[in-house]
Every structure is written in C-alpha cells, then in structure tokens.
Amino acid sequence: SWLNPQAGMRILDVAGGTGDIAFRLRERADCMVTVLDINQHMLDEGYNRALDRNLLTGLEWICADAESLPLPDNHFDAYTIAFGIRNVTHIDRALAEAHRVLKPGGRFLCMEFGHIPNDMLQKIYDAYSFAVIPKVGKWVTGEEDAYSYLVESIRKFPSQKDFSGMVTAAGFGNAQYRNLTGGIVAIHSARKL
C-alpha cells in the first residue's frame, strides 16, 4: 500500500520468486511486474502459483543475481524487495543495481527484519529467536540449521537507521522507514534522485 502501484507502472520485484508481492501488486493495479530471483526453483514455484491463479498476464520471470541485474538502466518505476536484501553477499552492490535500473524519481521499497528500538524488548525477542525459532523450524520442517541461520542473519543485518544510511550512500534521496511489529520488521522507502 505504501507503493500505491498505478496502471502502466513497470515494477521490479527482486528476490520475489514465489510471486507473493507480484500478485499483490497486480491485484492493485494493471502494472507490469518483473519477478527476479537467483533461485530458479523459487521462480518455478511462483510461475506455477500464477498459473494456478490464472495471473500470468503482466508478469515476467527472470533468474538472476540482485548484485548484477541483466536489465537496462533507468527502466523501472519501482523496485521492491521483501526479506531478500539480507541474503545478498554485497548489499552495497545490490543497492547500486537498484539505483541503476530505476528511472529518475523511481521508488525503492524494501521490507526486511529490523532491530527493536527498546532494549528490553530486543533482549526478550533475541531469547525467543535463538531458543524457540530453530526448534519450531526443526519440528515443522526437520531443518534446525536453516532456522538458526535465519536468526543469525537477522541479527547481523544493519539497524533501520544504518540501512537507511546505506540506501542514501547508494544515491537515493528521501530515505525513510516505517517500523512494523515494534521494529521486528521495517519497510524502507527512497527515491532515485
């Protein structure tokens, strides 16, 4: 809703293989969404989900790396990435690529795990994350290590303020963020100058 997609917009959804964000964008407006993911299996899942929902119109699927986009300069009106930038090897390169492919005035939106600004709540959340999430992951999927990695990657990701600084350093203006669930998740927004 913060993006407010409009008819005719070209939107790039990075790390969006399953199509979740793309489907929501298409439901809101007759826009063109390019779904890009480094994992072909995730893209196949998203494509099959789109096929099941009869939502193939206005969607394009590309397997590529967020740090080296095979896309033209100044092409997209918006760039979205949800819970994906934390997993790129070089965040600065991914941000530079986002900046490159956006049109002047284009919108960058990133939803990612954040840091809770209240120290007491952060300690409670950390205890829960390290003790409970991997155990639940093992119980549900049989994979405890993947959920331990999830918790570690969240803790290593920059704070909302520091990530906004990285977005600004990549050449974006008007960098801001909104905390959700007390800062457990944040949505970052900026515009290409």
C-alpha atoms as a PDB file:
ATOM      1  CA  SER A   1       0.000   0.000   0.000  1.00  0.00           C
ATOM      2  CA  TRP A   2       2.914   2.392   0.617  1.00  0.00           C
ATOM      3  CA  LEU A   3       3.983   1.969  -3.022  1.00  0.00           C
ATOM      4  CA  ASN A   4       0.457   2.564  -4.302  1.00  0.00           C
ATOM      5  CA  PRO A   5       1.042   0.993  -7.745  1.00  0.00           C
ATOM      6  CA  GLN A   6      -0.643   2.618 -10.718  1.00  0.00           C
ATOM      7  CA  ALA A   7      -1.701   1.295 -14.119  1.00  0.00           C
ATOM      8  CA  GLY A   8       1.164   1.217 -16.578  1.00  0.00           C
ATOM      9  CA  MET A   9       3.938   1.171 -13.973  1.00  0.00           C
ATOM     10  CA  ARG A  10       6.925  -1.112 -14.521  1.00  0.00           C
ATOM     11  CA  ILE A  11       7.921  -2.719 -11.224  1.00  0.00           C
ATOM     12  CA  LEU A  12      10.886  -4.974 -10.494  1.00  0.00           C
ATOM     13  CA  ASP A  13      10.342  -7.382  -7.579  1.00  0.00           C
ATOM     14  CA  VAL A  14      13.737  -8.779  -6.543  1.00  0.00           C
ATOM     15  CA  ALA A  15      14.021 -11.996  -4.514  1.00  0.00           C
ATOM     16  CA  GLY A  16      10.349 -12.422  -5.309  1.00  0.00           C
ATOM     17  CA  GLY A  17      10.435 -15.926  -6.726  1.00  0.00           C
ATOM     18  CA  THR A  18       7.240 -17.223  -5.128  1.00  0.00           C
ATOM     19  CA  GLY A  19       5.280 -14.291  -6.561  1.00  0.00           C
ATOM     20  CA  ASP A  20       3.673 -13.146  -3.306  1.00  0.00           C
ATOM     21  CA  ILE A  21       4.500  -9.445  -3.737  1.00  0.00           C
ATOM     22  CA  ALA A  22       3.963  -9.501  -7.505  1.00  0.00           C
ATOM     23  CA  PHE A  23       0.475 -10.957  -7.114  1.00  0.00           C
ATOM     24  CA  ARG A  24      -0.486  -8.231  -4.640  1.00  0.00           C
ATOM     25  CA  LEU A  25       0.867  -5.510  -6.928  1.00  0.00           C
ATOM     26  CA  ARG A  26      -1.080  -6.912  -9.891  1.00  0.00           C
ATOM     27  CA  GLU A  27      -4.265  -7.113  -7.799  1.00  0.00           C
ATOM     28  CA  ARG A  28      -3.970  -3.384  -7.009  1.00  0.00           C
ATOM     29  CA  ALA A  29      -3.144  -2.077 -10.496  1.00  0.00           C
ATOM     30  CA  ASP A  30      -2.713  -3.059 -14.130  1.00  0.00           C
ATOM     31  CA  CYS A  31       1.063  -2.758 -13.880  1.00  0.00           C
ATOM     32  CA  MET A  32       3.895  -4.844 -15.366  1.00  0.00           C
ATOM     33  CA  VAL A  33       5.849  -6.756 -12.716  1.00  0.00           C
ATOM     34  CA  THR A  34       9.185  -8.401 -13.425  1.00  0.00           C
ATOM     35  CA  VAL A  35       9.833 -11.064 -10.794  1.00  0.00           C
ATOM     36  CA  LEU A  36      13.547 -11.706 -10.350  1.00  0.00           C
ATOM     37  CA  ASP A  37      15.163 -14.322  -8.138  1.00  0.00           C
ATOM     38  CA  ILE A  38      18.549 -16.053  -8.045  1.00  0.00           C
ATOM     39  CA  ASN A  39      16.832 -19.399  -7.396  1.00  0.00           C
ATOM     40  CA  GLN A  40      15.151 -20.973 -10.430  1.00  0.00           C
ATOM     41  CA  HIS A  41      13.193 -23.393  -8.229  1.00  0.00           C
ATOM     42  CA  MET A  42      11.582 -20.454  -6.407  1.00  0.00           C
ATOM     43  CA  LEU A  43      10.709 -18.853  -9.751  1.00  0.00           C
ATOM     44  CA  ASP A  44       9.200 -22.131 -10.959  1.00  0.00           C
ATOM     45  CA  GLU A  45       7.084 -22.236  -7.798  1.00  0.00           C
ATOM     46  CA  GLY A  46       5.925 -18.665  -8.361  1.00  0.00           C
ATOM     47  CA  TYR A  47       5.141 -19.291 -12.015  1.00  0.00           C
ATOM     48  CA  ASN A  48       3.121 -22.394 -11.135  1.00  0.00           C
ATOM     49  CA  ARG A  49       1.240 -20.459  -8.460  1.00  0.00           C
ATOM     50  CA  ALA A  50       0.490 -17.707 -11.002  1.00  0.00           C
ATOM     51  CA  LEU A  51      -0.686 -20.354 -13.472  1.00  0.00           C
ATOM     52  CA  ASP A  52      -2.983 -21.901 -10.831  1.00  0.00           C
ATOM     53  CA  ARG A  53      -4.466 -18.465 -10.108  1.00  0.00           C
ATOM     54  CA  ASN A  54      -4.708 -17.505 -13.784  1.00  0.00           C
ATOM     55  CA  LEU A  55      -2.463 -14.489 -13.086  1.00  0.00           C
ATOM     56  CA  LEU A  56       0.159 -14.785 -15.831  1.00  0.00           C
ATOM     57  CA  THR A  57      -0.758 -11.526 -17.594  1.00  0.00           C
ATOM     58  CA  GLY A  58       1.527  -8.649 -16.648  1.00  0.00           C
ATOM     59  CA  LEU A  59       4.192 -10.864 -15.075  1.00  0.00           C
ATOM     60  CA  GLU A  60       7.701 -11.680 -16.294  1.00  0.00           C
ATOM     61  CA  TRP A  61      10.055 -14.153 -14.578  1.00  0.00           C
ATOM     62  CA  ILE A  62      13.872 -13.780 -14.636  1.00  0.00           C
ATOM     63  CA  CYS A  63      16.537 -15.862 -12.898  1.00  0.00           C
ATOM     64  CA  ALA A  64      19.412 -13.531 -11.975  1.00  0.00           C
ATOM     65  CA  ASP A  65      21.529 -12.133  -9.152  1.00  0.00           C
ATOM     66  CA  ALA A  66      20.437  -8.921  -7.388  1.00  0.00           C
ATOM     67  CA  GLU A  67      24.065  -7.753  -7.497  1.00  0.00           C
ATOM     68  CA  SER A  68      24.253  -7.954 -11.305  1.00  0.00           C
ATOM     69  CA  LEU A  69      20.867  -7.306 -12.897  1.00  0.00           C
ATOM     70  CA  PRO A  70      20.601  -8.184 -16.620  1.00  0.00           C
ATOM     71  CA  LEU A  71      18.271  -5.225 -17.102  1.00  0.00           C
ATOM     72  CA  PRO A  72      18.547  -1.781 -18.750  1.00  0.00           C
ATOM     73  CA  ASP A  73      19.373   1.464 -16.970  1.00  0.00           C
ATOM     74  CA  ASN A  74      16.554   3.837 -15.989  1.00  0.00           C
ATOM     75  CA  HIS A  75      13.842   1.320 -16.852  1.00  0.00           C
ATOM     76  CA  PHE A  76      11.617   0.701 -13.804  1.00  0.00           C
ATOM     77  CA  ASP A  77       9.218   2.955 -11.919  1.00  0.00           C
ATOM     78  CA  ALA A  78       9.654   0.936  -8.726  1.00  0.00           C
ATOM     79  CA  TYR A  79      11.956  -1.691  -7.229  1.00  0.00           C
ATOM     80  CA  THR A  80      10.680  -3.910  -4.413  1.00  0.00           C
ATOM     81  CA  ILE A  81      12.497  -6.495  -2.335  1.00  0.00           C
ATOM     82  CA  ALA A  82      10.939  -8.289   0.647  1.00  0.00           C
ATOM     83  CA  PHE A  83      13.091 -10.278   3.045  1.00  0.00           C
ATOM     84  CA  GLY A  84      15.779 -10.709   0.396  1.00  0.00           C
ATOM     85  CA  ILE A  85      18.396  -7.994   0.703  1.00  0.00           C
ATOM     86  CA  ARG A  86      19.617  -9.501   3.971  1.00  0.00           C
ATOM     87  CA  ASN A  87      20.723 -12.547   1.988  1.00  0.00           C
ATOM     88  CA  VAL A  88      22.751 -10.888  -0.781  1.00  0.00           C
ATOM     89  CA  THR A  89      26.520 -11.134  -0.431  1.00  0.00           C
ATOM     90  CA  HIS A  90      27.207  -7.438  -1.037  1.00  0.00           C
ATOM     91  CA  ILE A  91      24.300  -5.200  -0.005  1.00  0.00           C
ATOM     92  CA  ASP A  92      26.017  -2.121  -1.453  1.00  0.00           C
ATOM     93  CA  ARG A  93      26.174  -3.749  -4.903  1.00  0.00           C
ATOM     94  CA  ALA A  94      22.508  -4.724  -4.782  1.00  0.00           C
ATOM     95  CA  LEU A  95      21.577  -1.153  -3.812  1.00  0.00           C
ATOM     96  CA  ALA A  96      23.732   0.238  -6.648  1.00  0.00           C
ATOM     97  CA  GLU A  97      21.946  -2.045  -9.100  1.00  0.00           C
ATOM     98  CA  ALA A  98      18.552  -0.994  -7.738  1.00  0.00           C
ATOM     99  CA  HIS A  99      19.547   2.625  -8.287  1.00  0.00           C
ATOM    100  CA  ARG A 100      20.822   1.914 -11.812  1.00  0.00           C
ATOM    101  CA  VAL A 101      17.665   0.208 -13.099  1.00  0.00           C
ATOM    102  CA  LEU A 102      15.223   2.726 -11.623  1.00  0.00           C
ATOM    103  CA  LYS A 103      14.068   5.721 -13.616  1.00  0.00           C
ATOM    104  CA  PRO A 104      14.849   9.142 -12.131  1.00  0.00           C
ATOM    105  CA  GLY A 105      12.228   9.623  -9.423  1.00  0.00           C
ATOM    106  CA  GLY A 106      11.705   5.853  -9.246  1.00  0.00           C
ATOM    107  CA  ARG A 107      10.794   4.311  -5.909  1.00  0.00           C
ATOM    108  CA  PHE A 108      12.868   1.836  -3.889  1.00  0.00           C
ATOM    109  CA  LEU A 109      10.939  -0.207  -1.304  1.00  0.00           C
ATOM    110  CA  CYS A 110      12.491  -2.846   0.911  1.00  0.00           C
ATOM    111  CA  MET A 111      10.813  -4.881   3.639  1.00  0.00           C
ATOM    112  CA  GLU A 112      13.283  -6.563   5.961  1.00  0.00           C
ATOM    113  CA  PHE A 113      13.738  -7.698   9.524  1.00  0.00           C
ATOM    114  CA  GLY A 114      14.865  -4.878  11.789  1.00  0.00           C
ATOM    115  CA  HIS A 115      16.130  -4.041  15.230  1.00  0.00           C
ATOM    116  CA  ILE A 116      13.706  -3.300  18.056  1.00  0.00           C
ATOM    117  CA  PRO A 117      14.432   0.177  19.440  1.00  0.00           C
ATOM    118  CA  ASN A 118      13.524  -0.883  23.001  1.00  0.00           C
ATOM    119  CA  ASP A 119      16.498  -2.713  24.620  1.00  0.00           C
ATOM    120  CA  MET A 120      14.328  -4.756  26.989  1.00  0.00           C
ATOM    121  CA  LEU A 121      12.026  -5.951  24.193  1.00  0.00           C
ATOM    122  CA  GLN A 122      15.058  -6.663  21.974  1.00  0.00           C
ATOM    123  CA  LYS A 123      16.531  -8.931  24.675  1.00  0.00           C
ATOM    124  CA  ILE A 124      13.228 -10.801  25.025  1.00  0.00           C
ATOM    125  CA  TYR A 125      12.946 -11.151  21.238  1.00  0.00           C
ATOM    126  CA  ASP A 126      16.572 -12.355  20.989  1.00  0.00           C
ATOM    127  CA  ALA A 127      15.977 -15.005  23.654  1.00  0.00           C
ATOM    128  CA  TYR A 128      12.842 -16.154  21.845  1.00  0.00           C
ATOM    129  CA  SER A 129      14.571 -16.110  18.445  1.00  0.00           C
ATOM    130  CA  PHE A 130      17.581 -18.160  19.469  1.00  0.00           C
ATOM    131  CA  ALA A 131      15.732 -20.620  21.714  1.00  0.00           C
ATOM    132  CA  VAL A 132      12.368 -21.106  20.017  1.00  0.00           C
ATOM    133  CA  ILE A 133      12.555 -20.369  16.268  1.00  0.00           C
ATOM    134  CA  PRO A 134      15.186 -23.062  15.411  1.00  0.00           C
ATOM    135  CA  LYS A 135      13.292 -25.654  17.479  1.00  0.00           C
ATOM    136  CA  VAL A 136       9.979 -24.835  15.800  1.00  0.00           C
ATOM    137  CA  GLY A 137      11.731 -24.934  12.419  1.00  0.00           C
ATOM    138  CA  LYS A 138      13.083 -28.394  13.200  1.00  0.00           C
ATOM    139  CA  TRP A 139       9.675 -29.591  14.360  1.00  0.00           C
ATOM    140  CA  VAL A 140       7.880 -28.245  11.260  1.00  0.00           C
ATOM    141  CA  THR A 141      10.482 -28.869   8.534  1.00  0.00           C
ATOM    142  CA  GLY A 142      13.142 -31.073  10.085  1.00  0.00           C
ATOM    143  CA  GLU A 143      15.716 -28.317   9.418  1.00  0.00           C
ATOM    144  CA  GLU A 144      17.015 -26.661  12.581  1.00  0.00           C
ATOM    145  CA  ASP A 145      20.190 -25.244  10.955  1.00  0.00           C
ATOM    146  CA  ALA A 146      18.273 -23.215   8.359  1.00  0.00           C
ATOM    147  CA  TYR A 147      16.296 -21.500  11.111  1.00  0.00           C
ATOM    148  CA  SER A 148      19.442 -20.881  13.160  1.00  0.00           C
ATOM    149  CA  TYR A 149      20.870 -19.183  10.056  1.00  0.00           C
ATOM    150  CA  LEU A 150      17.696 -17.092   9.774  1.00  0.00           C
ATOM    151  CA  VAL A 151      18.082 -15.805  13.329  1.00  0.00           C
ATOM    152  CA  GLU A 152      21.819 -15.095  12.845  1.00  0.00           C
ATOM    153  CA  SER A 153      21.252 -13.269   9.550  1.00  0.00           C
ATOM    154  CA  ILE A 154      18.591 -11.075  11.153  1.00  0.00           C
ATOM    155  CA  ARG A 155      20.944 -10.094  13.975  1.00  0.00           C
ATOM    156  CA  LYS A 156      23.779  -9.266  11.531  1.00  0.00           C
ATOM    157  CA  PHE A 157      21.620  -7.059   9.304  1.00  0.00           C
ATOM    158  CA  PRO A 158      22.113  -3.311   9.911  1.00  0.00           C
ATOM    159  CA  SER A 159      19.713  -1.363  12.088  1.00  0.00           C
ATOM    160  CA  GLN A 160      16.971   0.622  10.370  1.00  0.00           C
ATOM    161  CA  LYS A 161      18.988   3.842  10.732  1.00  0.00           C
ATOM    162  CA  ASP A 162      22.190   2.260   9.406  1.00  0.00           C
ATOM    163  CA  PHE A 163      20.407   0.636   6.464  1.00  0.00           C
ATOM    164  CA  SER A 164      18.790   3.988   5.592  1.00  0.00           C
ATOM    165  CA  GLY A 165      22.324   5.396   5.536  1.00  0.00           C
ATOM    166  CA  MET A 166      23.386   2.681   3.101  1.00  0.00           C
ATOM    167  CA  VAL A 167      20.396   3.484   0.874  1.00  0.00           C
ATOM    168  CA  THR A 168      21.363   7.169   0.890  1.00  0.00           C
ATOM    169  CA  ALA A 169      25.019   6.295   0.157  1.00  0.00           C
ATOM    170  CA  ALA A 170      23.811   4.391  -2.939  1.00  0.00           C
ATOM    171  CA  GLY A 171      22.486   7.673  -4.347  1.00  0.00           C
ATOM    172  CA  PHE A 172      18.882   7.589  -3.207  1.00  0.00           C
ATOM    173  CA  GLY A 173      17.086  10.540  -1.645  1.00  0.00           C
ATOM    174  CA  ASN A 174      14.292  10.835   0.891  1.00  0.00           C
ATOM    175  CA  ALA A 175      15.295   7.586   2.636  1.00  0.00           C
ATOM    176  CA  GLN A 176      12.863   6.752   5.398  1.00  0.00           C
ATOM    177  CA  TYR A 177      11.434   3.706   7.119  1.00  0.00           C
ATOM    178  CA  ARG A 178       8.355   2.541   8.964  1.00  0.00           C
ATOM    179  CA  ASN A 179       8.631   0.029  11.778  1.00  0.00           C
ATOM    180  CA  LEU A 180       6.129  -2.803  11.918  1.00  0.00           C
ATOM    181  CA  THR A 181       5.531  -5.022  14.960  1.00  0.00           C
ATOM    182  CA  GLY A 182       7.638  -2.745  17.136  1.00  0.00           C
ATOM    183  CA  GLY A 183      10.631  -2.841  14.800  1.00  0.00           C
ATOM    184  CA  ILE A 184      10.849  -6.591  14.272  1.00  0.00           C
ATOM    185  CA  VAL A 185      10.199  -5.731  10.614  1.00  0.00           C
ATOM    186  CA  ALA A 186      10.687  -2.421   8.818  1.00  0.00           C
ATOM    187  CA  ILE A 187       9.719  -1.083   5.409  1.00  0.00           C
ATOM    188  CA  HIS A 188      12.338   1.204   3.857  1.00  0.00           C
ATOM    189  CA  SER A 189      11.473   3.705   1.145  1.00  0.00           C
ATOM    190  CA  ALA A 190      13.592   6.036  -1.002  1.00  0.00           C
ATOM    191  CA  ARG A 191      13.590   7.683  -4.428  1.00  0.00           C
ATOM    192  CA  LYS A 192      16.198   7.777  -7.139  1.00  0.00           C
ATOM    193  CA  LEU A 193      17.399  11.365  -7.459  1.00  0.00           C
END
